[in-house]
Amino acid sequence: MAMTRDVFDAVGGFDESFRGGHDEADFAWRAADAGFPTRFVPEARIDYLQRSDVRGVVTQRRNYARTAIQLWTRHPHLVDPLGVSLRGAFQGALTGLTTWGRVLRGSATLEDGAEWGWRLGTLEGHLRYRVLGRPPAPLITHAETNPGGRGMPPAVSHE
């Protein structure tokens, strides 16, 4: 993802409450809502690191699915209202229990890990952000600590 400084300053930076994924989608959607166009650059290249062990894949996909639900609750006007329901998330987790067993026994494939992580994260996201609570408040440090958009955003660490 690339943007001009004007877009970054106008939108306020990335929302660091998205722990584990979807911060870039949230940023892009906020930029679009602010009237900034998206441009496709066919020469652009993105290198992305997928985890190479099953437990790492489970964690990565769990985080992605959980923050997908966070994104859904933060931007309900932009997301398919017929997406995965809480009931669907429970059913997915139940049907994935055999996959979870393979993960625990150490006999799971990377695909098994991705499947179980996604099912678990979807259920966790529904419970955390829709049923038992709300999405966390936006955490946009650039907007809070750098009003007026001068200089570089503060350095932050990401988990």
N, C-alpha and C. Protein backbone atom coordinates (compact mmCIF):
# COMPACT_ATOMS: atom_id res chain seq x y z
N MET A 1 0.85 -1.17 0.00
CA MET A 1 0.00 0.00 0.00
C MET A 1 0.89 1.23 0.00
N ALA A 2 0.52 2.16 -0.79
CA ALA A 2 1.23 3.44 -0.83
C ALA A 2 0.20 4.55 -0.85
N MET A 3 0.59 5.68 -0.30
CA MET A 3 -0.30 6.83 -0.30
C MET A 3 0.55 8.08 -0.21
N THR A 4 -0.04 9.21 -0.56
CA THR A 4 0.67 10.47 -0.40
C THR A 4 0.58 10.90 1.05
N ARG A 5 1.44 11.81 1.41
CA ARG A 5 1.43 12.36 2.77
C ARG A 5 0.10 13.05 3.06
N ASP A 6 -0.48 13.70 2.04
CA ASP A 6 -1.76 14.38 2.24
C ASP A 6 -2.86 13.39 2.65
N VAL A 7 -2.89 12.23 2.01
CA VAL A 7 -3.89 11.22 2.36
C VAL A 7 -3.63 10.72 3.78
N PHE A 8 -2.37 10.40 4.08
CA PHE A 8 -2.04 9.90 5.42
C PHE A 8 -2.46 10.90 6.49
N ASP A 9 -2.13 12.17 6.28
CA ASP A 9 -2.46 13.19 7.27
C ASP A 9 -3.96 13.41 7.39
N ALA A 10 -4.66 13.40 6.25
CA ALA A 10 -6.10 13.64 6.28
C ALA A 10 -6.84 12.51 6.98
N VAL A 11 -6.40 11.28 6.79
CA VAL A 11 -7.07 10.12 7.37
C VAL A 11 -6.61 9.89 8.81
N GLY A 12 -5.41 10.32 9.13
CA GLY A 12 -4.92 10.23 10.50
C GLY A 12 -3.99 9.08 10.77
N GLY A 13 -3.65 8.32 9.77
CA GLY A 13 -2.74 7.19 9.98
C GLY A 13 -3.49 5.89 10.16
N PHE A 14 -2.73 4.87 10.50
CA PHE A 14 -3.29 3.53 10.67
C PHE A 14 -3.87 3.37 12.06
N ASP A 15 -4.95 2.62 12.16
CA ASP A 15 -5.61 2.34 13.43
C ASP A 15 -4.95 1.13 14.05
N GLU A 16 -4.19 1.37 15.10
CA GLU A 16 -3.42 0.30 15.74
C GLU A 16 -4.25 -0.59 16.65
N SER A 17 -5.56 -0.34 16.73
CA SER A 17 -6.40 -1.25 17.50
C SER A 17 -6.63 -2.56 16.73
N PHE A 18 -6.29 -2.56 15.45
CA PHE A 18 -6.38 -3.78 14.65
C PHE A 18 -5.10 -4.59 14.90
N ARG A 19 -5.12 -5.42 15.91
CA ARG A 19 -3.96 -6.23 16.27
C ARG A 19 -3.99 -7.54 15.51
N GLY A 20 -3.18 -7.65 14.48
CA GLY A 20 -3.10 -8.90 13.75
C GLY A 20 -3.64 -8.86 12.34
N GLY A 21 -4.06 -7.70 11.87
CA GLY A 21 -4.51 -7.64 10.49
C GLY A 21 -5.62 -6.64 10.26
N HIS A 22 -5.84 -6.33 9.01
CA HIS A 22 -6.91 -5.49 8.51
C HIS A 22 -6.75 -4.00 8.80
N ASP A 23 -5.62 -3.59 9.36
CA ASP A 23 -5.39 -2.16 9.56
C ASP A 23 -5.28 -1.44 8.22
N GLU A 24 -4.74 -2.12 7.21
CA GLU A 24 -4.61 -1.50 5.89
C GLU A 24 -5.97 -1.36 5.21
N ALA A 25 -6.86 -2.33 5.40
CA ALA A 25 -8.20 -2.22 4.83
C ALA A 25 -8.97 -1.10 5.51
N ASP A 26 -8.86 -1.00 6.82
CA ASP A 26 -9.51 0.08 7.55
C ASP A 26 -9.02 1.43 7.06
N PHE A 27 -7.70 1.58 6.89
CA PHE A 27 -7.13 2.83 6.39
C PHE A 27 -7.69 3.15 5.01
N ALA A 28 -7.67 2.17 4.12
CA ALA A 28 -8.14 2.40 2.75
C ALA A 28 -9.62 2.77 2.73
N TRP A 29 -10.42 2.14 3.56
CA TRP A 29 -11.85 2.46 3.60
C TRP A 29 -12.08 3.85 4.17
N ARG A 30 -11.31 4.23 5.19
CA ARG A 30 -11.44 5.59 5.72
C ARG A 30 -11.00 6.62 4.68
N ALA A 31 -9.95 6.32 3.92
CA ALA A 31 -9.50 7.22 2.86
C ALA A 31 -10.58 7.36 1.78
N ALA A 32 -11.19 6.25 1.41
CA ALA A 32 -12.26 6.29 0.41
C ALA A 32 -13.45 7.10 0.92
N ASP A 33 -13.80 6.90 2.19
CA ASP A 33 -14.90 7.67 2.78
C ASP A 33 -14.59 9.17 2.79
N ALA A 34 -13.29 9.51 2.90
CA ALA A 34 -12.87 10.91 2.90
C ALA A 34 -12.77 11.47 1.48
N GLY A 35 -13.05 10.65 0.47
CA GLY A 35 -13.08 11.12 -0.90
C GLY A 35 -11.80 10.92 -1.69
N PHE A 36 -10.83 10.20 -1.13
CA PHE A 36 -9.59 9.96 -1.86
C PHE A 36 -9.77 8.76 -2.79
N PRO A 37 -9.37 8.90 -4.05
CA PRO A 37 -9.53 7.78 -4.99
C PRO A 37 -8.46 6.71 -4.77
N THR A 38 -8.80 5.50 -5.16
CA THR A 38 -7.85 4.40 -5.16
C THR A 38 -7.35 4.23 -6.58
N ARG A 39 -6.08 3.98 -6.69
CA ARG A 39 -5.49 3.78 -8.02
C ARG A 39 -4.80 2.43 -8.05
N PHE A 40 -4.95 1.75 -9.17
CA PHE A 40 -4.28 0.48 -9.37
C PHE A 40 -2.95 0.74 -10.07
N VAL A 41 -1.89 0.18 -9.52
CA VAL A 41 -0.56 0.33 -10.11
C VAL A 41 -0.07 -1.07 -10.45
N PRO A 42 -0.15 -1.48 -11.71
CA PRO A 42 0.20 -2.85 -12.07
C PRO A 42 1.66 -3.20 -11.81
N GLU A 43 2.54 -2.22 -11.77
CA GLU A 43 3.96 -2.49 -11.53
C GLU A 43 4.26 -2.71 -10.05
N ALA A 44 3.33 -2.38 -9.18
CA ALA A 44 3.57 -2.51 -7.75
C ALA A 44 3.77 -3.97 -7.37
N ARG A 45 4.62 -4.19 -6.40
CA ARG A 45 4.91 -5.55 -5.94
C ARG A 45 4.82 -5.58 -4.42
N ILE A 46 4.21 -6.62 -3.92
CA ILE A 46 4.09 -6.80 -2.49
C ILE A 46 4.67 -8.15 -2.13
N ASP A 47 5.61 -8.16 -1.23
CA ASP A 47 6.14 -9.41 -0.67
C ASP A 47 5.46 -9.62 0.67
N TYR A 48 4.93 -10.80 0.87
CA TYR A 48 4.16 -11.07 2.07
C TYR A 48 4.63 -12.38 2.67
N LEU A 49 4.87 -12.38 3.94
CA LEU A 49 5.39 -13.55 4.63
C LEU A 49 4.27 -14.37 5.25
N GLN A 50 4.10 -15.58 4.76
CA GLN A 50 3.18 -16.52 5.39
C GLN A 50 3.98 -17.36 6.38
N ARG A 51 3.38 -17.76 7.43
CA ARG A 51 4.07 -18.58 8.43
C ARG A 51 4.36 -19.95 7.84
N SER A 52 5.45 -20.55 8.33
CA SER A 52 5.89 -21.82 7.73
C SER A 52 5.67 -23.02 8.63
N ASP A 53 5.11 -22.81 9.84
CA ASP A 53 4.78 -23.94 10.70
C ASP A 53 3.31 -23.86 11.08
N VAL A 54 2.74 -25.00 11.44
CA VAL A 54 1.29 -25.09 11.66
C VAL A 54 0.83 -24.15 12.76
N ARG A 55 1.50 -24.12 13.87
CA ARG A 55 1.05 -23.25 14.97
C ARG A 55 1.12 -21.77 14.57
N GLY A 56 2.14 -21.41 13.82
CA GLY A 56 2.24 -20.04 13.33
C GLY A 56 1.11 -19.69 12.38
N VAL A 57 0.75 -20.64 11.51
CA VAL A 57 -0.36 -20.44 10.57
C VAL A 57 -1.67 -20.31 11.34
N VAL A 58 -1.87 -21.14 12.36
CA VAL A 58 -3.09 -21.04 13.18
C VAL A 58 -3.20 -19.63 13.77
N THR A 59 -2.12 -19.15 14.36
CA THR A 59 -2.14 -17.82 14.99
C THR A 59 -2.39 -16.74 13.96
N GLN A 60 -1.71 -16.80 12.82
CA GLN A 60 -1.87 -15.79 11.79
C GLN A 60 -3.30 -15.75 11.27
N ARG A 61 -3.85 -16.89 10.92
CA ARG A 61 -5.21 -16.93 10.39
C ARG A 61 -6.26 -16.60 11.45
N ARG A 62 -6.00 -16.97 12.70
CA ARG A 62 -6.91 -16.61 13.78
C ARG A 62 -6.98 -15.09 13.91
N ASN A 63 -5.82 -14.44 13.88
CA ASN A 63 -5.79 -12.98 13.96
C ASN A 63 -6.50 -12.34 12.78
N TYR A 64 -6.28 -12.86 11.57
CA TYR A 64 -6.94 -12.31 10.39
C TYR A 64 -8.45 -12.41 10.51
N ALA A 65 -8.93 -13.56 10.91
CA ALA A 65 -10.39 -13.76 11.00
C ALA A 65 -10.98 -12.88 12.09
N ARG A 66 -10.31 -12.81 13.24
CA ARG A 66 -10.81 -11.98 14.34
C ARG A 66 -10.90 -10.52 13.91
N THR A 67 -9.84 -10.01 13.25
CA THR A 67 -9.86 -8.61 12.85
C THR A 67 -10.76 -8.37 11.65
N ALA A 68 -11.09 -9.42 10.88
CA ALA A 68 -12.09 -9.26 9.82
C ALA A 68 -13.44 -8.93 10.43
N ILE A 69 -13.76 -9.55 11.56
CA ILE A 69 -15.01 -9.24 12.26
C ILE A 69 -14.92 -7.85 12.87
N GLN A 70 -13.77 -7.48 13.40
CA GLN A 70 -13.58 -6.12 13.92
C GLN A 70 -13.82 -5.10 12.80
N LEU A 71 -13.28 -5.36 11.63
CA LEU A 71 -13.46 -4.47 10.48
C LEU A 71 -14.95 -4.39 10.12
N TRP A 72 -15.61 -5.51 10.14
CA TRP A 72 -17.05 -5.57 9.83
C TRP A 72 -17.84 -4.69 10.80
N THR A 73 -17.53 -4.78 12.09
CA THR A 73 -18.27 -3.99 13.06
C THR A 73 -17.91 -2.51 13.00
N ARG A 74 -16.72 -2.20 12.58
CA ARG A 74 -16.29 -0.80 12.46
C ARG A 74 -16.87 -0.13 11.22
N HIS A 75 -17.08 -0.91 10.16
CA HIS A 75 -17.56 -0.36 8.88
C HIS A 75 -18.76 -1.16 8.36
N PRO A 76 -19.85 -1.23 9.11
CA PRO A 76 -20.97 -2.08 8.69
C PRO A 76 -21.59 -1.64 7.36
N HIS A 77 -21.44 -0.38 7.01
CA HIS A 77 -22.01 0.12 5.76
C HIS A 77 -21.23 -0.35 4.53
N LEU A 78 -20.04 -0.92 4.73
CA LEU A 78 -19.21 -1.35 3.61
C LEU A 78 -19.10 -2.86 3.46
N VAL A 79 -19.67 -3.59 4.40
CA VAL A 79 -19.47 -5.04 4.44
C VAL A 79 -20.79 -5.75 4.16
N ASP A 80 -20.70 -6.90 3.55
CA ASP A 80 -21.87 -7.72 3.25
C ASP A 80 -22.60 -8.05 4.56
N PRO A 81 -23.84 -7.59 4.72
CA PRO A 81 -24.57 -7.87 5.96
C PRO A 81 -24.91 -9.35 6.13
N LEU A 82 -24.78 -10.13 5.05
CA LEU A 82 -25.06 -11.55 5.13
C LEU A 82 -23.78 -12.37 5.28
N GLY A 83 -22.73 -11.73 5.77
CA GLY A 83 -21.48 -12.44 6.01
C GLY A 83 -21.68 -13.52 7.06
N VAL A 84 -20.62 -14.07 7.55
CA VAL A 84 -20.71 -15.17 8.51
C VAL A 84 -21.42 -14.69 9.78
N SER A 85 -22.46 -15.40 10.15
CA SER A 85 -23.21 -15.07 11.35
C SER A 85 -22.55 -15.71 12.57
N LEU A 86 -22.99 -15.32 13.74
CA LEU A 86 -22.51 -15.95 14.97
C LEU A 86 -22.83 -17.45 14.93
N ARG A 87 -24.04 -17.77 14.49
CA ARG A 87 -24.41 -19.19 14.39
C ARG A 87 -23.48 -19.92 13.43
N GLY A 88 -23.19 -19.31 12.28
CA GLY A 88 -22.26 -19.91 11.32
C GLY A 88 -20.87 -20.06 11.90
N ALA A 89 -20.45 -19.09 12.71
CA ALA A 89 -19.12 -19.17 13.33
C ALA A 89 -19.06 -20.34 14.33
N PHE A 90 -20.13 -20.52 15.12
CA PHE A 90 -20.19 -21.66 16.05
C PHE A 90 -20.18 -22.98 15.29
N GLN A 91 -20.99 -23.07 14.24
CA GLN A 91 -21.03 -24.30 13.45
C GLN A 91 -19.67 -24.60 12.82
N GLY A 92 -19.01 -23.55 12.34
CA GLY A 92 -17.69 -23.73 11.75
C GLY A 92 -16.68 -24.25 12.75
N ALA A 93 -16.73 -23.69 13.96
CA ALA A 93 -15.80 -24.14 15.01
C ALA A 93 -16.10 -25.59 15.39
N LEU A 94 -17.38 -25.94 15.50
CA LEU A 94 -17.73 -27.32 15.85
C LEU A 94 -17.29 -28.31 14.78
N THR A 95 -17.53 -27.98 13.53
CA THR A 95 -17.12 -28.90 12.47
C THR A 95 -15.61 -28.95 12.30
N GLY A 96 -14.93 -27.95 12.83
CA GLY A 96 -13.47 -27.93 12.74
C GLY A 96 -12.76 -28.59 13.90
N LEU A 97 -13.50 -29.19 14.82
CA LEU A 97 -12.87 -29.81 15.99
C LEU A 97 -11.92 -30.95 15.61
N THR A 98 -12.24 -31.69 14.56
CA THR A 98 -11.32 -32.76 14.15
C THR A 98 -10.01 -32.16 13.64
N THR A 99 -10.10 -31.02 12.96
CA THR A 99 -8.89 -30.34 12.49
C THR A 99 -8.08 -29.87 13.69
N TRP A 100 -8.76 -29.32 14.69
CA TRP A 100 -8.09 -28.88 15.91
C TRP A 100 -7.34 -30.04 16.56
N GLY A 101 -7.98 -31.22 16.56
CA GLY A 101 -7.32 -32.40 17.11
C GLY A 101 -6.02 -32.71 16.38
N ARG A 102 -6.01 -32.61 15.06
CA ARG A 102 -4.77 -32.84 14.30
C ARG A 102 -3.72 -31.79 14.63
N VAL A 103 -4.16 -30.56 14.83
CA VAL A 103 -3.21 -29.50 15.21
C VAL A 103 -2.58 -29.84 16.56
N LEU A 104 -3.39 -30.25 17.52
CA LEU A 104 -2.88 -30.59 18.86
C LEU A 104 -1.94 -31.79 18.82
N ARG A 105 -2.27 -32.78 17.99
CA ARG A 105 -1.43 -33.99 17.90
C ARG A 105 -0.16 -33.78 17.09
N GLY A 106 -0.08 -32.66 16.37
CA GLY A 106 1.09 -32.41 15.55
C GLY A 106 1.05 -33.07 14.19
N SER A 107 -0.13 -33.55 13.77
CA SER A 107 -0.24 -34.21 12.47
C SER A 107 -0.96 -33.35 11.43
N ALA A 108 -1.18 -32.09 11.75
CA ALA A 108 -1.92 -31.20 10.85
C ALA A 108 -1.02 -30.66 9.74
N THR A 109 -1.63 -30.39 8.60
CA THR A 109 -0.94 -29.73 7.50
C THR A 109 -1.06 -28.21 7.69
N LEU A 110 -0.33 -27.46 6.89
CA LEU A 110 -0.47 -26.01 6.93
C LEU A 110 -1.89 -25.59 6.58
N GLU A 111 -2.52 -26.30 5.65
CA GLU A 111 -3.90 -26.00 5.29
C GLU A 111 -4.85 -26.25 6.46
N ASP A 112 -4.59 -27.35 7.20
CA ASP A 112 -5.39 -27.61 8.41
C ASP A 112 -5.25 -26.45 9.39
N GLY A 113 -4.02 -26.01 9.59
CA GLY A 113 -3.78 -24.90 10.52
C GLY A 113 -4.49 -23.63 10.09
N ALA A 114 -4.46 -23.35 8.78
CA ALA A 114 -5.14 -22.16 8.26
C ALA A 114 -6.65 -22.27 8.47
N GLU A 115 -7.19 -23.46 8.19
CA GLU A 115 -8.63 -23.67 8.36
C GLU A 115 -9.04 -23.51 9.82
N TRP A 116 -8.33 -24.16 10.73
CA TRP A 116 -8.70 -24.09 12.15
C TRP A 116 -8.52 -22.67 12.68
N GLY A 117 -7.44 -22.02 12.30
CA GLY A 117 -7.21 -20.65 12.76
C GLY A 117 -8.33 -19.72 12.31
N TRP A 118 -8.76 -19.85 11.06
CA TRP A 118 -9.83 -18.99 10.55
C TRP A 118 -11.14 -19.26 11.29
N ARG A 119 -11.46 -20.52 11.49
CA ARG A 119 -12.71 -20.86 12.19
C ARG A 119 -12.69 -20.32 13.63
N LEU A 120 -11.58 -20.50 14.30
CA LEU A 120 -11.45 -20.03 15.68
C LEU A 120 -11.51 -18.51 15.75
N GLY A 121 -10.79 -17.84 14.86
CA GLY A 121 -10.78 -16.38 14.87
C GLY A 121 -12.12 -15.77 14.54
N THR A 122 -12.87 -16.41 13.63
CA THR A 122 -14.21 -15.90 13.29
C THR A 122 -15.12 -15.97 14.51
N LEU A 123 -15.08 -17.09 15.21
CA LEU A 123 -15.89 -17.22 16.42
C LEU A 123 -15.42 -16.22 17.48
N GLU A 124 -14.13 -16.13 17.68
CA GLU A 124 -13.59 -15.18 18.67
C GLU A 124 -13.99 -13.74 18.33
N GLY A 125 -13.91 -13.37 17.05
CA GLY A 125 -14.28 -12.02 16.64
C GLY A 125 -15.73 -11.72 16.92
N HIS A 126 -16.62 -12.66 16.60
CA HIS A 126 -18.05 -12.46 16.89
C HIS A 126 -18.27 -12.28 18.39
N LEU A 127 -17.67 -13.16 19.18
CA LEU A 127 -17.86 -13.06 20.63
C LEU A 127 -17.27 -11.76 21.18
N ARG A 128 -16.08 -11.43 20.77
CA ARG A 128 -15.39 -10.27 21.31
C ARG A 128 -15.99 -8.95 20.85
N TYR A 129 -16.36 -8.84 19.59
CA TYR A 129 -16.75 -7.55 19.03
C TYR A 129 -18.23 -7.37 18.78
N ARG A 130 -19.01 -8.46 18.86
CA ARG A 130 -20.44 -8.33 18.58
C ARG A 130 -21.31 -8.78 19.74
N VAL A 131 -20.92 -9.83 20.45
CA VAL A 131 -21.79 -10.41 21.47
C VAL A 131 -21.44 -9.92 22.86
N LEU A 132 -20.20 -10.10 23.26
CA LEU A 132 -19.79 -9.78 24.63
C LEU A 132 -19.21 -8.38 24.78
N GLY A 133 -18.98 -7.72 23.68
CA GLY A 133 -18.36 -6.40 23.77
C GLY A 133 -18.47 -5.66 22.47
N ARG A 134 -17.56 -4.73 22.31
CA ARG A 134 -17.52 -3.89 21.14
C ARG A 134 -16.11 -3.92 20.59
N PRO A 135 -15.95 -3.47 19.35
CA PRO A 135 -14.58 -3.33 18.86
C PRO A 135 -13.86 -2.30 19.72
N PRO A 136 -12.57 -2.43 19.87
CA PRO A 136 -11.85 -1.43 20.66
C PRO A 136 -11.98 -0.06 20.00
N ALA A 137 -11.85 0.96 20.80
CA ALA A 137 -11.87 2.32 20.26
C ALA A 137 -10.71 2.46 19.27
N PRO A 138 -10.89 3.25 18.22
CA PRO A 138 -9.79 3.46 17.29
C PRO A 138 -8.55 3.97 18.02
N LEU A 139 -7.41 3.47 17.63
CA LEU A 139 -6.13 3.89 18.21
C LEU A 139 -5.27 4.40 17.05
N ILE A 140 -5.46 5.67 16.77
CA ILE A 140 -4.76 6.30 15.66
C ILE A 140 -3.79 7.31 16.25
N THR A 141 -2.58 6.84 16.53
CA THR A 141 -1.61 7.68 17.25
C THR A 141 -1.17 8.88 16.45
N HIS A 142 -1.14 8.78 15.13
CA HIS A 142 -0.71 9.92 14.32
C HIS A 142 -1.66 11.09 14.52
N ALA A 143 -2.93 10.82 14.52
CA ALA A 143 -3.91 11.88 14.68
C ALA A 143 -3.88 12.46 16.09
N GLU A 144 -3.59 11.63 17.09
CA GLU A 144 -3.60 12.09 18.47
C GLU A 144 -2.32 12.82 18.86
N THR A 145 -1.18 12.33 18.40
CA THR A 145 0.09 12.89 18.86
C THR A 145 0.71 13.83 17.85
N ASN A 146 0.13 13.95 16.68
CA ASN A 146 0.73 14.75 15.64
C ASN A 146 -0.34 15.59 14.94
N PRO A 147 -1.07 16.43 15.72
CA PRO A 147 -2.13 17.21 15.08
C PRO A 147 -1.52 18.15 14.05
N GLY A 148 -2.27 18.38 13.01
CA GLY A 148 -1.78 19.27 11.97
C GLY A 148 -0.96 18.57 10.92
N GLY A 149 -0.59 17.31 11.14
CA GLY A 149 0.08 16.53 10.13
C GLY A 149 1.50 16.94 9.82
N ARG A 150 2.21 17.56 10.75
CA ARG A 150 3.58 17.97 10.46
C ARG A 150 4.55 16.90 10.95
N GLY A 151 5.55 16.65 10.17
CA GLY A 151 6.57 15.68 10.57
C GLY A 151 6.11 14.26 10.33
N MET A 152 6.89 13.33 10.80
CA MET A 152 6.61 11.92 10.62
C MET A 152 5.74 11.42 11.76
N PRO A 153 4.94 10.41 11.51
CA PRO A 153 4.17 9.82 12.61
C PRO A 153 5.12 9.19 13.62
N PRO A 154 4.70 9.10 14.86
CA PRO A 154 5.58 8.51 15.88
C PRO A 154 5.85 7.05 15.59
N ALA A 155 7.02 6.59 15.98
CA ALA A 155 7.37 5.18 15.80
C ALA A 155 6.58 4.35 16.80
N VAL A 156 6.09 3.21 16.36
CA VAL A 156 5.34 2.31 17.23
C VAL A 156 5.85 0.90 16.99
N SER A 157 5.62 0.06 17.97
CA SER A 157 5.97 -1.36 17.79
C SER A 157 4.69 -2.12 17.50
N HIS A 158 4.79 -3.12 16.67
CA HIS A 158 3.63 -3.96 16.34
C HIS A 158 3.93 -5.37 16.79
N GLU A 159 2.89 -6.01 17.31
CA GLU A 159 3.02 -7.40 17.74
C GLU A 159 3.05 -8.31 16.57
